[in-house]
Amino acid sequence: MKPLNNPMRRLLATILAAGLASPALAFDLGSDEPITVSADSARLDDGKGIATYTGAVELVQGKTRLTAERVVLYRSADGLNRIEATGSPARYQQPVTNGEGETDAKALNITWSASDKQLIFEREAEIEQNGNLFRGDIIHYDTEQRVVTAEGSKDTGSGPGRVEMVIQPGNGNISNDSTQ
């Protein structure tokens, strides 16, 4: 994996920071607004602090939404500390915090970890915000440091996957491959 060069990293961080900067998949655990969960079925293991939801799962808090085929919530004495979502794909959407538009992210696996302060999109990961697009096999976002790292897929014989970015400037379209 080649690291993103500094100008591309700064640009990507700017693009993503407006929409992904707050923790907990941007579900605000300190908010008075509840997180609602709906699914076809649920299994709650209170002793282990694990809730597993399956079948057209939706987590919603205000205008922030996570949809997936399966979502597992882990909680400790401190509260919700991990969310794991899987789907084909799982999808996370939230309004951009500074400005208009929405962050629309999808991957086969989406994981948020409170202790690591990491938001991870794995397998066919794609994040779109106001026409700007970032794609890779794995995208890590450090919600505290606001640092994005990405990896292409492994070489499967037809060539290695690559990390891709499409940046929409004010007067036209530019498409860049960030691993060059």
Protein backbone atom coordinates (compact mmCIF):
# COMPACT_ATOMS: atom_id res chain seq x y z
CA MET A 1 0.00 0.00 0.00
CA LYS A 2 1.36 3.38 -0.98
CA PRO A 3 0.49 6.15 1.47
CA LEU A 4 -1.47 9.12 0.20
CA ASN A 5 0.76 12.05 -0.63
CA ASN A 6 0.38 15.07 1.67
CA PRO A 7 -1.74 17.33 -0.62
CA MET A 8 -4.13 14.46 -1.39
CA ARG A 9 -4.34 13.48 2.28
CA ARG A 10 -5.14 17.07 3.29
CA LEU A 11 -7.77 17.36 0.57
CA LEU A 12 -9.37 14.04 1.51
CA ALA A 13 -9.34 14.96 5.19
CA THR A 14 -11.04 18.25 4.33
CA ILE A 15 -13.68 16.49 2.23
CA LEU A 16 -14.42 13.90 4.89
CA ALA A 17 -13.96 16.01 8.02
CA ALA A 18 -17.11 18.00 7.44
CA GLY A 19 -19.22 14.88 7.51
CA LEU A 20 -17.35 12.24 9.48
CA ALA A 21 -15.65 14.21 12.24
CA SER A 22 -17.93 13.35 15.11
CA PRO A 23 -17.58 9.98 16.82
CA ALA A 24 -19.94 7.02 17.05
CA LEU A 25 -20.69 6.87 13.36
CA ALA A 26 -21.82 10.42 14.08
CA PHE A 27 -24.53 9.06 16.32
CA ASP A 28 -24.23 11.51 19.20
CA LEU A 29 -24.36 9.44 22.38
CA GLY A 30 -24.50 12.61 24.48
CA SER A 31 -27.58 13.88 22.66
CA ASP A 32 -31.09 14.02 24.09
CA GLU A 33 -32.27 12.61 20.77
CA PRO A 34 -32.63 8.80 20.99
CA ILE A 35 -31.13 6.30 18.57
CA THR A 36 -33.95 4.15 17.24
CA VAL A 37 -33.34 0.68 15.86
CA SER A 38 -35.73 -1.31 13.72
CA ALA A 39 -35.16 -4.74 12.20
CA ASP A 40 -36.91 -7.94 11.23
CA SER A 41 -35.50 -9.66 14.33
CA ALA A 42 -33.42 -8.90 17.40
CA ARG A 43 -31.48 -10.88 19.96
CA LEU A 44 -30.43 -9.13 23.18
CA ASP A 45 -27.85 -10.69 25.48
CA ASP A 46 -27.92 -8.33 28.46
CA GLY A 47 -25.27 -10.32 30.35
CA LYS A 48 -22.73 -9.84 27.56
CA GLY A 49 -23.95 -6.39 26.53
CA ILE A 50 -24.59 -7.47 22.94
CA ALA A 51 -27.63 -6.72 20.81
CA THR A 52 -27.83 -8.35 17.37
CA TYR A 53 -30.33 -7.07 14.82
CA THR A 54 -30.97 -8.82 11.50
CA GLY A 55 -33.07 -8.20 8.42
CA ALA A 56 -33.42 -4.70 6.94
CA VAL A 57 -31.84 -3.05 9.99
CA GLU A 58 -32.11 0.73 10.40
CA LEU A 59 -30.41 2.82 13.09
CA VAL A 60 -31.62 6.41 13.06
CA GLN A 61 -30.81 9.46 15.19
CA GLY A 62 -32.16 12.68 13.77
CA LYS A 63 -30.96 12.81 10.16
CA THR A 64 -28.14 10.30 10.69
CA ARG A 65 -28.94 6.81 9.40
CA LEU A 66 -27.23 3.41 9.19
CA THR A 67 -28.86 0.63 7.18
CA ALA A 68 -27.57 -2.93 6.91
CA GLU A 69 -28.61 -6.55 6.76
CA ARG A 70 -27.06 -7.20 10.21
CA VAL A 71 -26.00 -4.84 12.99
CA VAL A 72 -24.36 -5.80 16.27
CA LEU A 73 -24.23 -3.25 19.10
CA TYR A 74 -21.77 -3.75 21.95
CA ARG A 75 -22.12 -1.87 25.19
CA SER A 76 -20.15 -1.72 28.41
CA ALA A 77 -20.82 -0.03 31.74
CA ASP A 78 -19.90 3.24 29.97
CA GLY A 79 -22.55 2.74 27.29
CA LEU A 80 -22.44 1.93 23.59
CA ASN A 81 -18.82 1.30 22.59
CA ARG A 82 -18.86 -0.58 19.26
CA ILE A 83 -21.12 -0.93 16.25
CA GLU A 84 -20.58 -3.56 13.54
CA ALA A 85 -22.74 -3.46 10.42
CA THR A 86 -22.72 -5.84 7.46
CA GLY A 87 -24.69 -5.75 4.26
CA SER A 88 -24.47 -5.84 0.52
CA PRO A 89 -23.65 -3.07 1.09
CA ALA A 90 -24.20 -1.56 4.53
CA ARG A 91 -24.85 2.17 4.18
CA TYR A 92 -24.21 5.15 6.43
CA GLN A 93 -25.69 8.59 5.71
CA GLN A 94 -25.50 11.87 7.59
CA PRO A 95 -25.87 15.55 6.77
CA VAL A 96 -22.68 17.53 6.23
CA THR A 97 -22.02 19.46 9.45
CA ASN A 98 -20.68 22.61 7.79
CA GLY A 99 -22.61 23.35 4.65
CA GLU A 100 -25.17 21.67 2.49
CA GLY A 101 -25.33 18.10 1.31
CA GLU A 102 -24.83 14.69 2.77
CA THR A 103 -22.10 12.16 3.40
CA ASP A 104 -23.11 8.85 1.86
CA ALA A 105 -20.81 5.94 2.71
CA LYS A 106 -21.14 2.28 1.92
CA ALA A 107 -19.14 -0.90 2.35
CA LEU A 108 -19.79 -4.56 2.96
CA ASN A 109 -18.60 -4.03 6.56
CA ILE A 110 -18.78 -0.84 8.60
CA THR A 111 -17.32 -0.76 12.13
CA TRP A 112 -17.15 2.00 14.70
CA SER A 113 -15.03 1.60 17.83
CA ALA A 114 -15.25 4.12 20.68
CA SER A 115 -12.02 2.97 22.34
CA ASP A 116 -10.00 3.17 19.12
CA LYS A 117 -11.86 6.28 17.91
CA GLN A 118 -11.93 4.58 14.50
CA LEU A 119 -14.53 4.34 11.80
CA ILE A 120 -13.65 1.55 9.38
CA PHE A 121 -15.23 0.80 6.02
CA GLU A 122 -14.14 -2.59 4.66
CA ARG A 123 -14.60 -4.39 1.36
CA GLU A 124 -15.88 -2.32 -1.55
CA ALA A 125 -15.73 0.86 0.54
CA GLU A 126 -16.95 4.09 -0.99
CA ILE A 127 -17.55 7.52 0.55
CA GLU A 128 -19.32 10.25 -1.43
CA GLN A 129 -19.91 13.81 -0.32
CA ASN A 130 -21.26 16.55 -2.59
CA GLY A 131 -19.99 14.81 -5.72
CA ASN A 132 -16.54 14.07 -4.27
CA LEU A 133 -15.82 10.35 -4.16
CA PHE A 134 -13.28 8.22 -2.32
CA ARG A 135 -13.04 4.51 -3.01
CA GLY A 136 -10.83 1.72 -1.67
CA ASP A 137 -10.98 -1.78 -0.28
CA ILE A 138 -10.45 -0.51 3.29
CA ILE A 139 -10.88 3.06 4.50
CA HIS A 140 -9.89 3.92 8.09
CA TYR A 141 -11.00 7.20 9.61
CA ASP A 142 -9.57 8.33 12.95
CA THR A 143 -12.45 10.39 14.35
CA GLU A 144 -10.25 12.13 16.93
CA GLN A 145 -7.19 13.00 14.82
CA ARG A 146 -9.31 13.37 11.65
CA VAL A 147 -6.87 11.28 9.62
CA VAL A 148 -7.93 9.08 6.72
CA THR A 149 -5.92 6.12 5.45
CA ALA A 150 -6.96 3.78 2.68
CA GLU A 151 -5.83 0.53 1.11
CA GLY A 152 -6.51 -1.00 -2.26
CA SER A 153 -7.45 -4.64 -2.54
CA LYS A 154 -4.87 -7.43 -2.69
CA ASP A 155 -3.52 -8.58 -6.05
CA THR A 156 -5.91 -11.29 -7.27
CA GLY A 157 -4.04 -12.08 -10.49
CA SER A 158 -5.78 -9.40 -12.52
CA GLY A 159 -3.74 -6.69 -10.81
CA PRO A 160 -3.97 -5.06 -7.41
CA GLY A 161 -6.93 -2.88 -6.53
CA ARG A 162 -6.23 0.79 -6.20
CA VAL A 163 -7.41 3.65 -4.04
CA GLU A 164 -9.36 6.15 -6.14
CA MET A 165 -10.54 9.71 -5.63
CA VAL A 166 -12.81 11.92 -7.71
CA ILE A 167 -12.74 15.58 -6.72
CA GLN A 168 -15.33 18.04 -7.96
CA PRO A 169 -13.80 21.50 -8.36
CA GLY A 170 -16.01 24.55 -8.69
CA ASN A 171 -15.69 24.77 -12.49
CA GLY A 172 -15.47 21.21 -13.75
CA ASN A 173 -14.60 17.62 -12.95
CA ILE A 174 -11.18 16.24 -12.10
CA SER A 175 -10.56 12.55 -11.56
CA ASN A 176 -7.39 11.51 -9.72
CA ASP A 177 -5.98 8.18 -8.69
CA SER A 178 -4.45 8.89 -5.28
CA THR A 179 -1.83 6.14 -5.47
CA GLN A 180 0.15 7.76 -8.28
